[in-house]
């Protein structure tokens, strides 16, 4: 069954949810796809089918982490664009570091 459940969130609520998803304080607002993943995770938890939904949410969480600067990379990435930081982290992941 497909559902179309409208959810209205204020920017303050979206910010709070993004902070919980990222597990850190930021000014980022949660995206529509993140809200969908969270809702699917909740429903999956109710019916006991968490594995696929959790895997998708974990993939999204790790994709969001591509924009975070690791402390050891701070001297290389300070002042760089978000795209540069993402590229740096993608190469770092591919190298297995």
PDB file of N, CA and C in Angstrom:
ATOM      1  N   UNK A   1       0.845  -1.173   0.000  1.00  0.00           N
ATOM      2  CA  UNK A   1       0.000   0.000   0.000  1.00  0.00           C
ATOM      3  C   UNK A   1       0.890   1.236   0.000  1.00  0.00           C
ATOM      4  N   UNK A   2       0.604   2.164  -0.880  1.00  0.00           N
ATOM      5  CA  UNK A   2       1.302   3.442  -0.885  1.00  0.00           C
ATOM      6  C   UNK A   2       0.503   4.418  -0.034  1.00  0.00           C
ATOM      7  N   UNK A   3       1.212   5.228   0.730  1.00  0.00           N
ATOM      8  CA  UNK A   3       0.543   6.233   1.543  1.00  0.00           C
ATOM      9  C   UNK A   3       1.066   7.608   1.191  1.00  0.00           C
ATOM     10  N   UNK A   4       0.271   8.597   1.444  1.00  0.00           N
ATOM     11  CA  UNK A   4       0.660   9.986   1.230  1.00  0.00           C
ATOM     12  C   UNK A   4       0.265  10.739   2.495  1.00  0.00           C
ATOM     13  N   UNK A   5       1.160  10.719   3.467  1.00  0.00           N
ATOM     14  CA  UNK A   5       0.882  11.324   4.760  1.00  0.00           C
ATOM     15  C   UNK A   5       1.535  12.703   4.812  1.00  0.00           C
ATOM     16  N   UNK A   6       0.743  13.762   4.867  1.00  0.00           N
ATOM     17  CA  UNK A   6       1.349  15.097   4.931  1.00  0.00           C
ATOM     18  C   UNK A   6       1.910  15.375   6.336  1.00  0.00           C
ATOM     19  N   UNK A   7       3.132  15.863   6.359  1.00  0.00           N
ATOM     20  CA  UNK A   7       3.765  16.235   7.621  1.00  0.00           C
ATOM     21  C   UNK A   7       4.249  17.670   7.469  1.00  0.00           C
ATOM     22  N   UNK A   8       3.810  18.545   8.346  1.00  0.00           N
ATOM     23  CA  UNK A   8       4.231  19.935   8.303  1.00  0.00           C
ATOM     24  C   UNK A   8       5.254  20.168   9.405  1.00  0.00           C
ATOM     25  N   UNK A   9       6.437  20.642   9.015  1.00  0.00           N
ATOM     26  CA  UNK A   9       7.513  20.901   9.964  1.00  0.00           C
ATOM     27  C   UNK A   9       7.976  22.352   9.828  1.00  0.00           C
ATOM     28  N   UNK A  10       8.185  22.999  10.944  1.00  0.00           N
ATOM     29  CA  UNK A  10       8.765  24.337  10.917  1.00  0.00           C
ATOM     30  C   UNK A  10      10.271  24.207  10.711  1.00  0.00           C
ATOM     31  N   UNK A  11      10.923  25.309  10.379  1.00  0.00           N
ATOM     32  CA  UNK A  11      12.377  25.282  10.224  1.00  0.00           C
ATOM     33  C   UNK A  11      13.062  24.888  11.528  1.00  0.00           C
ATOM     34  N   UNK A  12      12.506  25.323  12.647  1.00  0.00           N
ATOM     35  CA  UNK A  12      13.080  24.953  13.952  1.00  0.00           C
ATOM     36  C   UNK A  12      12.986  23.444  14.167  1.00  0.00           C
ATOM     37  N   UNK A  13      11.869  22.849  13.789  1.00  0.00           N
ATOM     38  CA  UNK A  13      11.705  21.398  13.928  1.00  0.00           C
ATOM     39  C   UNK A  13      12.630  20.657  12.970  1.00  0.00           C
ATOM     40  N   UNK A  14      12.760  21.160  11.742  1.00  0.00           N
ATOM     41  CA  UNK A  14      13.659  20.539  10.761  1.00  0.00           C
ATOM     42  C   UNK A  14      15.107  20.602  11.247  1.00  0.00           C
ATOM     43  N   UNK A  15      15.475  21.713  11.879  1.00  0.00           N
ATOM     44  CA  UNK A  15      16.830  21.855  12.413  1.00  0.00           C
ATOM     45  C   UNK A  15      17.064  20.856  13.551  1.00  0.00           C
ATOM     46  N   UNK A  16      16.103  20.724  14.437  1.00  0.00           N
ATOM     47  CA  UNK A  16      16.206  19.792  15.559  1.00  0.00           C
ATOM     48  C   UNK A  16      16.365  18.351  15.060  1.00  0.00           C
ATOM     49  N   UNK A  17      15.576  17.980  14.058  1.00  0.00           N
ATOM     50  CA  UNK A  17      15.659  16.626  13.511  1.00  0.00           C
ATOM     51  C   UNK A  17      17.013  16.414  12.839  1.00  0.00           C
ATOM     52  N   UNK A  18      17.495  17.403  12.099  1.00  0.00           N
ATOM     53  CA  UNK A  18      18.811  17.289  11.443  1.00  0.00           C
ATOM     54  C   UNK A  18      19.916  17.107  12.477  1.00  0.00           C
ATOM     55  N   UNK A  19      19.819  17.815  13.593  1.00  0.00           N
ATOM     56  CA  UNK A  19      20.815  17.663  14.658  1.00  0.00           C
ATOM     57  C   UNK A  19      20.803  16.249  15.220  1.00  0.00           C
ATOM     58  N   UNK A  20      19.637  15.653  15.321  1.00  0.00           N
ATOM     59  CA  UNK A  20      19.547  14.289  15.828  1.00  0.00           C
ATOM     60  C   UNK A  20      20.047  13.279  14.811  1.00  0.00           C
ATOM     61  N   UNK A  21      19.780  13.522  13.527  1.00  0.00           N
ATOM     62  CA  UNK A  21      20.262  12.629  12.475  1.00  0.00           C
ATOM     63  C   UNK A  21      21.787  12.698  12.387  1.00  0.00           C
ATOM     64  N   UNK A  22      22.341  13.904  12.434  1.00  0.00           N
ATOM     65  CA  UNK A  22      23.790  14.099  12.308  1.00  0.00           C
ATOM     66  C   UNK A  22      24.543  13.823  13.601  1.00  0.00           C
ATOM     67  N   UNK A  23      23.800  13.743  14.702  1.00  0.00           N
ATOM     68  CA  UNK A  23      24.387  13.538  16.032  1.00  0.00           C
ATOM     69  C   UNK A  23      25.365  14.648  16.411  1.00  0.00           C
ATOM     70  N   UNK A  24      25.062  15.871  15.943  1.00  0.00           N
ATOM     71  CA  UNK A  24      25.855  17.038  16.326  1.00  0.00           C
ATOM     72  C   UNK A  24      25.025  18.287  16.072  1.00  0.00           C
ATOM     73  N   UNK A  25      25.412  19.376  16.682  1.00  0.00           N
ATOM     74  CA  UNK A  25      24.721  20.657  16.551  1.00  0.00           C
ATOM     75  C   UNK A  25      25.146  21.321  15.246  1.00  0.00           C
ATOM     76  N   UNK A  26      24.175  21.717  14.417  1.00  0.00           N
ATOM     77  CA  UNK A  26      24.474  22.424  13.177  1.00  0.00           C
ATOM     78  C   UNK A  26      23.271  23.287  12.801  1.00  0.00           C
ATOM     79  N   UNK A  27      23.443  24.075  11.753  1.00  0.00           N
ATOM     80  CA  UNK A  27      22.347  24.911  11.273  1.00  0.00           C
ATOM     81  C   UNK A  27      21.608  24.263  10.109  1.00  0.00           C
ATOM     82  N   UNK A  28      22.019  23.060   9.735  1.00  0.00           N
ATOM     83  CA  UNK A  28      21.430  22.351   8.617  1.00  0.00           C
ATOM     84  C   UNK A  28      19.988  21.967   8.919  1.00  0.00           C
ATOM     85  N   UNK A  29      19.149  21.983   7.889  1.00  0.00           N
ATOM     86  CA  UNK A  29      17.761  21.546   8.024  1.00  0.00           C
ATOM     87  C   UNK A  29      17.628  20.155   7.422  1.00  0.00           C
ATOM     88  N   UNK A  30      16.804  19.315   8.048  1.00  0.00           N
ATOM     89  CA  UNK A  30      16.586  17.970   7.549  1.00  0.00           C
ATOM     90  C   UNK A  30      15.912  18.054   6.176  1.00  0.00           C
ATOM     91  N   UNK A  31      16.282  17.128   5.295  1.00  0.00           N
ATOM     92  CA  UNK A  31      15.705  17.117   3.951  1.00  0.00           C
ATOM     93  C   UNK A  31      14.470  16.233   3.908  1.00  0.00           C
ATOM     94  N   UNK A  32      13.730  16.358   2.831  1.00  0.00           N
ATOM     95  CA  UNK A  32      12.526  15.548   2.645  1.00  0.00           C
ATOM     96  C   UNK A  32      12.882  14.062   2.633  1.00  0.00           C
ATOM     97  N   UNK A  33      13.969  13.698   1.946  1.00  0.00           N
ATOM     98  CA  UNK A  33      14.345  12.284   1.871  1.00  0.00           C
ATOM     99  C   UNK A  33      14.739  11.739   3.242  1.00  0.00           C
ATOM    100  N   UNK A  34      15.352  12.559   4.076  1.00  0.00           N
ATOM    101  CA  UNK A  34      15.698  12.121   5.427  1.00  0.00           C
ATOM    102  C   UNK A  34      14.443  11.885   6.259  1.00  0.00           C
ATOM    103  N   UNK A  35      13.443  12.758   6.111  1.00  0.00           N
ATOM    104  CA  UNK A  35      12.186  12.589   6.846  1.00  0.00           C
ATOM    105  C   UNK A  35      11.502  11.306   6.396  1.00  0.00           C
ATOM    106  N   UNK A  36      11.511  11.048   5.087  1.00  0.00           N
ATOM    107  CA  UNK A  36      10.912   9.819   4.557  1.00  0.00           C
ATOM    108  C   UNK A  36      11.635   8.603   5.140  1.00  0.00           C
ATOM    109  N   UNK A  37      12.976   8.634   5.150  1.00  0.00           N
ATOM    110  CA  UNK A  37      13.746   7.508   5.695  1.00  0.00           C
ATOM    111  C   UNK A  37      13.439   7.298   7.172  1.00  0.00           C
ATOM    112  N   UNK A  38      13.312   8.378   7.934  1.00  0.00           N
ATOM    113  CA  UNK A  38      12.990   8.254   9.359  1.00  0.00           C
ATOM    114  C   UNK A  38      11.600   7.654   9.564  1.00  0.00           C
ATOM    115  N   UNK A  39      10.638   8.096   8.749  1.00  0.00           N
ATOM    116  CA  UNK A  39       9.278   7.543   8.850  1.00  0.00           C
ATOM    117  C   UNK A  39       9.272   6.062   8.496  1.00  0.00           C
ATOM    118  N   UNK A  40      10.024   5.687   7.444  1.00  0.00           N
ATOM    119  CA  UNK A  40      10.103   4.279   7.065  1.00  0.00           C
ATOM    120  C   UNK A  40      10.771   3.458   8.163  1.00  0.00           C
ATOM    121  N   UNK A  41      11.780   4.033   8.799  1.00  0.00           N
ATOM    122  CA  UNK A  41      12.453   3.331   9.889  1.00  0.00           C
ATOM    123  C   UNK A  41      11.482   3.114  11.048  1.00  0.00           C
ATOM    124  N   UNK A  42      10.695   4.123  11.369  1.00  0.00           N
ATOM    125  CA  UNK A  42       9.727   4.006  12.457  1.00  0.00           C
ATOM    126  C   UNK A  42       8.702   2.917  12.148  1.00  0.00           C
ATOM    127  N   UNK A  43       8.129   2.946  10.946  1.00  0.00           N
ATOM    128  CA  UNK A  43       7.134   1.943  10.561  1.00  0.00           C
ATOM    129  C   UNK A  43       7.783   0.555  10.529  1.00  0.00           C
ATOM    130  N   UNK A  44       8.999   0.472   9.996  1.00  0.00           N
ATOM    131  CA  UNK A  44       9.711  -0.803   9.971  1.00  0.00           C
ATOM    132  C   UNK A  44       9.931  -1.351  11.366  1.00  0.00           C
ATOM    133  N   UNK A  45      10.217  -0.471  12.315  1.00  0.00           N
ATOM    134  CA  UNK A  45      10.401  -0.891  13.699  1.00  0.00           C
ATOM    135  C   UNK A  45       9.114  -1.424  14.306  1.00  0.00           C
ATOM    136  N   UNK A  46       7.992  -0.838  13.913  1.00  0.00           N
ATOM    137  CA  UNK A  46       6.700  -1.295  14.440  1.00  0.00           C
ATOM    138  C   UNK A  46       6.360  -2.698  13.953  1.00  0.00           C
ATOM    139  N   UNK A  47       6.754  -2.999  12.710  1.00  0.00           N
ATOM    140  CA  UNK A  47       6.399  -4.306  12.157  1.00  0.00           C
ATOM    141  C   UNK A  47       7.560  -5.294  12.174  1.00  0.00           C
ATOM    142  N   UNK A  48       8.714  -4.869  12.698  1.00  0.00           N
ATOM    143  CA  UNK A  48       9.845  -5.766  12.857  1.00  0.00           C
ATOM    144  C   UNK A  48      10.700  -5.966  11.622  1.00  0.00           C
ATOM    145  N   UNK A  49      10.624  -5.063  10.651  1.00  0.00           N
ATOM    146  CA  UNK A  49      11.430  -5.182   9.437  1.00  0.00           C
ATOM    147  C   UNK A  49      12.400  -3.999   9.362  1.00  0.00           C
ATOM    148  N   UNK A  50      13.369  -3.975  10.233  1.00  0.00           N
ATOM    149  CA  UNK A  50      14.246  -2.820  10.337  1.00  0.00           C
ATOM    150  C   UNK A  50      15.462  -2.887   9.424  1.00  0.00           C
ATOM    151  N   UNK A  51      15.873  -4.027   8.970  1.00  0.00           N
ATOM    152  CA  UNK A  51      17.178  -4.153   8.329  1.00  0.00           C
ATOM    153  C   UNK A  51      17.321  -3.302   7.071  1.00  0.00           C
ATOM    154  N   UNK A  52      16.389  -3.382   6.122  1.00  0.00           N
ATOM    155  CA  UNK A  52      16.512  -2.626   4.868  1.00  0.00           C
ATOM    156  C   UNK A  52      16.412  -1.129   5.113  1.00  0.00           C
ATOM    157  N   UNK A  53      15.467  -0.718   5.939  1.00  0.00           N
ATOM    158  CA  UNK A  53      15.287   0.705   6.218  1.00  0.00           C
ATOM    159  C   UNK A  53      16.500   1.259   6.952  1.00  0.00           C
ATOM    160  N   UNK A  54      17.008   0.533   7.942  1.00  0.00           N
ATOM    161  CA  UNK A  54      18.192   0.992   8.669  1.00  0.00           C
ATOM    162  C   UNK A  54      19.392   1.098   7.751  1.00  0.00           C
ATOM    163  N   UNK A  55      19.532   0.172   6.813  1.00  0.00           N
ATOM    164  CA  UNK A  55      20.656   0.220   5.878  1.00  0.00           C
ATOM    165  C   UNK A  55      20.570   1.472   5.010  1.00  0.00           C
ATOM    166  N   UNK A  56      19.373   1.802   4.529  1.00  0.00           N
ATOM    167  CA  UNK A  56      19.201   3.012   3.713  1.00  0.00           C
ATOM    168  C   UNK A  56      19.500   4.259   4.525  1.00  0.00           C
ATOM    169  N   UNK A  57      19.023   4.307   5.763  1.00  0.00           N
ATOM    170  CA  UNK A  57      19.269   5.471   6.612  1.00  0.00           C
ATOM    171  C   UNK A  57      20.751   5.580   6.944  1.00  0.00           C
ATOM    172  N   UNK A  58      21.406   4.448   7.206  1.00  0.00           N
ATOM    173  CA  UNK A  58      22.847   4.464   7.459  1.00  0.00           C
ATOM    174  C   UNK A  58      23.611   4.975   6.248  1.00  0.00           C
ATOM    175  N   UNK A  59      23.202   4.539   5.029  1.00  0.00           N
ATOM    176  CA  UNK A  59      23.856   5.030   3.812  1.00  0.00           C
ATOM    177  C   UNK A  59      23.697   6.536   3.697  1.00  0.00           C
ATOM    178  N   UNK A  60      22.495   7.013   3.983  1.00  0.00           N
ATOM    179  CA  UNK A  60      22.252   8.455   3.897  1.00  0.00           C
ATOM    180  C   UNK A  60      23.067   9.196   4.960  1.00  0.00           C
ATOM    181  N   UNK A  61      23.134   8.637   6.166  1.00  0.00           N
ATOM    182  CA  UNK A  61      23.896   9.256   7.251  1.00  0.00           C
ATOM    183  C   UNK A  61      25.366   9.362   6.861  1.00  0.00           C
ATOM    184  N   UNK A  62      25.913   8.284   6.306  1.00  0.00           N
ATOM    185  CA  UNK A  62      27.320   8.302   5.909  1.00  0.00           C
ATOM    186  C   UNK A  62      27.551   9.244   4.741  1.00  0.00           C
ATOM    187  N   UNK A  63      26.566   9.365   3.840  1.00  0.00           N
ATOM    188  CA  UNK A  63      26.701  10.316   2.735  1.00  0.00           C
ATOM    189  C   UNK A  63      26.741  11.743   3.269  1.00  0.00           C
ATOM    190  N   UNK A  64      25.926  12.028   4.290  1.00  0.00           N
ATOM    191  CA  UNK A  64      25.941  13.366   4.891  1.00  0.00           C
ATOM    192  C   UNK A  64      27.293  13.647   5.541  1.00  0.00           C
ATOM    193  N   UNK A  65      27.928  12.635   6.089  1.00  0.00           N
ATOM    194  CA  UNK A  65      29.209  12.806   6.768  1.00  0.00           C
ATOM    195  C   UNK A  65      30.333  13.179   5.797  1.00  0.00           C
ATOM    196  N   UNK A  66      30.095  13.078   4.490  1.00  0.00           N
ATOM    197  CA  UNK A  66      31.120  13.434   3.514  1.00  0.00           C
ATOM    198  C   UNK A  66      31.494  14.913   3.596  1.00  0.00           C
ATOM    199  N   UNK A  67      30.612  15.732   4.120  1.00  0.00           N
ATOM    200  CA  UNK A  67      30.872  17.165   4.205  1.00  0.00           C
ATOM    201  C   UNK A  67      31.533  17.573   5.521  1.00  0.00           C
ATOM    202  N   UNK A  68      31.734  16.621   6.415  1.00  0.00           N
ATOM    203  CA  UNK A  68      32.372  16.918   7.703  1.00  0.00           C
ATOM    204  C   UNK A  68      33.885  16.867   7.560  1.00  0.00           C
ATOM    205  N   UNK A  69      34.562  17.783   8.220  1.00  0.00           N
ATOM    206  CA  UNK A  69      36.020  17.823   8.195  1.00  0.00           C
ATOM    207  C   UNK A  69      36.548  17.087   9.414  1.00  0.00           C
ATOM    208  N   UNK A  70      37.323  16.030   9.169  1.00  0.00           N
ATOM    209  CA  UNK A  70      37.953  15.305  10.262  1.00  0.00           C
ATOM    210  C   UNK A  70      39.030  16.176  10.891  1.00  0.00           C
ATOM    211  N   UNK A  71      39.226  16.085  12.204  1.00  0.00           N
ATOM    212  CA  UNK A  71      40.226  16.928  12.872  1.00  0.00           C
ATOM    213  C   UNK A  71      41.618  16.828  12.252  1.00  0.00           C
ATOM    214  N   UNK A  72      42.009  15.607  11.817  1.00  0.00           N
ATOM    215  CA  UNK A  72      43.358  15.473  11.245  1.00  0.00           C
ATOM    216  C   UNK A  72      43.475  16.134   9.865  1.00  0.00           C
ATOM    217  N   UNK A  73      42.340  16.431   9.221  1.00  0.00           N
ATOM    218  CA  UNK A  73      42.348  17.069   7.902  1.00  0.00           C
ATOM    219  C   UNK A  73      42.082  18.567   7.965  1.00  0.00           C
ATOM    220  N   UNK A  74      41.880  19.081   9.153  1.00  0.00           N
ATOM    221  CA  UNK A  74      41.498  20.483   9.304  1.00  0.00           C
ATOM    222  C   UNK A  74      42.499  21.434   8.647  1.00  0.00           C
ATOM    223  N   UNK A  75      43.795  21.161   8.788  1.00  0.00           N
ATOM    224  CA  UNK A  75      44.796  22.064   8.227  1.00  0.00           C
ATOM    225  C   UNK A  75      44.784  22.042   6.692  1.00  0.00           C
ATOM    226  N   UNK A  76      44.351  20.933   6.071  1.00  0.00           N
ATOM    227  CA  UNK A  76      44.261  20.846   4.610  1.00  0.00           C
ATOM    228  C   UNK A  76      42.972  21.466   4.070  1.00  0.00           C
ATOM    229  N   UNK A  77      41.904  21.368   4.837  1.00  0.00           N
ATOM    230  CA  UNK A  77      40.586  21.707   4.314  1.00  0.00           C
ATOM    231  C   UNK A  77      40.013  23.023   4.826  1.00  0.00           C
ATOM    232  N   UNK A  78      40.699  23.675   5.748  1.00  0.00           N
ATOM    233  CA  UNK A  78      40.195  24.933   6.303  1.00  0.00           C
ATOM    234  C   UNK A  78      39.988  25.953   5.174  1.00  0.00           C
ATOM    235  N   UNK A  79      38.787  26.502   5.066  1.00  0.00           N
ATOM    236  CA  UNK A  79      38.464  27.521   4.074  1.00  0.00           C
ATOM    237  C   UNK A  79      38.097  26.980   2.704  1.00  0.00           C
ATOM    238  N   UNK A  80      38.112  25.671   2.523  1.00  0.00           N
ATOM    239  CA  UNK A  80      37.775  25.069   1.229  1.00  0.00           C
ATOM    240  C   UNK A  80      36.258  24.976   1.070  1.00  0.00           C
ATOM    241  N   UNK A  81      35.811  24.865  -0.165  1.00  0.00           N
ATOM    242  CA  UNK A  81      34.383  24.760  -0.456  1.00  0.00           C
ATOM    243  C   UNK A  81      33.853  23.408   0.008  1.00  0.00           C
ATOM    244  N   UNK A  82      32.538  23.311   0.253  1.00  0.00           N
ATOM    245  CA  UNK A  82      31.950  22.029   0.643  1.00  0.00           C
ATOM    246  C   UNK A  82      32.209  20.938  -0.400  1.00  0.00           C
ATOM    247  N   UNK A  83      32.206  21.297  -1.677  1.00  0.00           N
ATOM    248  CA  UNK A  83      32.476  20.322  -2.724  1.00  0.00           C
ATOM    249  C   UNK A  83      33.890  19.768  -2.636  1.00  0.00           C
ATOM    250  N   UNK A  84      34.843  20.624  -2.293  1.00  0.00           N
ATOM    251  CA  UNK A  84      36.225  20.180  -2.127  1.00  0.00           C
ATOM    252  C   UNK A  84      36.334  19.214  -0.945  1.00  0.00           C
ATOM    253  N   UNK A  85      35.667  19.556   0.150  1.00  0.00           N
ATOM    254  CA  UNK A  85      35.682  18.691   1.340  1.00  0.00           C
ATOM    255  C   UNK A  85      35.076  17.332   1.002  1.00  0.00           C
ATOM    256  N   UNK A  86      33.954  17.341   0.268  1.00  0.00           N
ATOM    257  CA  UNK A  86      33.299  16.087  -0.112  1.00  0.00           C
ATOM    258  C   UNK A  86      34.241  15.242  -0.977  1.00  0.00           C
ATOM    259  N   UNK A  87      34.878  15.867  -1.965  1.00  0.00           N
ATOM    260  CA  UNK A  87      35.807  15.147  -2.828  1.00  0.00           C
ATOM    261  C   UNK A  87      36.968  14.560  -2.046  1.00  0.00           C
ATOM    262  N   UNK A  88      37.504  15.340  -1.118  1.00  0.00           N
ATOM    263  CA  UNK A  88      38.606  14.877  -0.269  1.00  0.00           C
ATOM    264  C   UNK A  88      38.183  13.626   0.499  1.00  0.00           C
ATOM    265  N   UNK A  89      36.988  13.702   1.102  1.00  0.00           N
ATOM    266  CA  UNK A  89      36.502  12.573   1.895  1.00  0.00           C
ATOM    267  C   UNK A  89      36.188  11.354   1.035  1.00  0.00           C
ATOM    268  N   UNK A  90      35.686  11.549  -0.204  1.00  0.00           N
ATOM    269  CA  UNK A  90      35.427  10.418  -1.094  1.00  0.00           C
ATOM    270  C   UNK A  90      36.731   9.701  -1.452  1.00  0.00           C
ATOM    271  N   UNK A  91      37.769  10.477  -1.763  1.00  0.00           N
ATOM    272  CA  UNK A  91      39.055   9.882  -2.096  1.00  0.00           C
ATOM    273  C   UNK A  91      39.633   9.159  -0.873  1.00  0.00           C
ATOM    274  N   UNK A  92      39.477   9.776   0.292  1.00  0.00           N
ATOM    275  CA  UNK A  92      39.974   9.180   1.531  1.00  0.00           C
ATOM    276  C   UNK A  92      39.268   7.841   1.802  1.00  0.00           C
ATOM    277  N   UNK A  93      37.945   7.796   1.582  1.00  0.00           N
ATOM    278  CA  UNK A  93      37.203   6.552   1.780  1.00  0.00           C
ATOM    279  C   UNK A  93      37.646   5.481   0.788  1.00  0.00           C
ATOM    280  N   UNK A  94      37.840   5.906  -0.470  1.00  0.00           N
ATOM    281  CA  UNK A  94      38.239   4.946  -1.505  1.00  0.00           C
ATOM    282  C   UNK A  94      39.605   4.342  -1.180  1.00  0.00           C
ATOM    283  N   UNK A  95      40.465   5.112  -0.532  1.00  0.00           N
ATOM    284  CA  UNK A  95      41.787   4.625  -0.163  1.00  0.00           C
ATOM    285  C   UNK A  95      41.734   3.783   1.111  1.00  0.00           C
ATOM    286  N   UNK A  96      40.567   3.733   1.741  1.00  0.00           N
ATOM    287  CA  UNK A  96      40.391   2.911   2.937  1.00  0.00           C
ATOM    288  C   UNK A  96      40.930   3.532   4.197  1.00  0.00           C
ATOM    289  N   UNK A  97      41.026   4.872   4.234  1.00  0.00           N
ATOM    290  CA  UNK A  97      41.523   5.541   5.439  1.00  0.00           C
ATOM    291  C   UNK A  97      40.411   6.107   6.248  1.00  0.00           C
TER     292      UNK A  97
END
